[in-house]
């Protein structure tokens, strides 16, 4: 059930490669939104760790370790943006990005910390399945573009996916429908974030033309 849901999510997310990664405005918007949600990811992971029960010790440890592994990654996105000539506040945080991580805070606080695995798994999967392709698409058109944020996730997230699947397999079967629902929700919302990146990139291009 989990494997099927993960593969379905990755298949849905394959449309990621249809977005205009050749456009530096789009890539910059994506970096900015990646900063805004990854800057909350360690907080989410630690909150989930603190909400884990004594019977969920394995999951508690996984969340805590993962938070340490993710520490500071958001700063790489900021550095990449600066190299492209952007101040992150100029682009700002999109409404869908806020909804993307706020949904997870709600689930952890009001439903179950275990549900966060349905957010972790597809995000790690994006880096594994499409990270290198995204980097290649950016570099093809802009060889000097900074890709530190992509580089570190391409290098680390394959192990993270395996660890996430292993952690989910320890969760009681009755919790699985909620995790699968969150995998589906995360995949859908991530694509909506990319839609807003595309819309913003078009506006930025128009402003530069006017300027």
Foldseek 3Di string as FASTA:
>chain_A
DVVVLLVVLVVLLVCVVVFQLQQVLLVLLVLLLCLVQLVCQLVLLQLLLVQDDPVLPVSSVLSNVVSVVSPPLSVLSQVLNVVVVDHSVVSNHDPLSCVLRVVSVCCVVPPHSLLCLLQQQNVLVCLQPCLVVSVCSHCVNPVPRDDPSSVVSVVPSVVVNVVSVVSNVVDDPVCVVSNSVSNVVNSVSVVVSSVVSRVSSVVVVVVVVVD
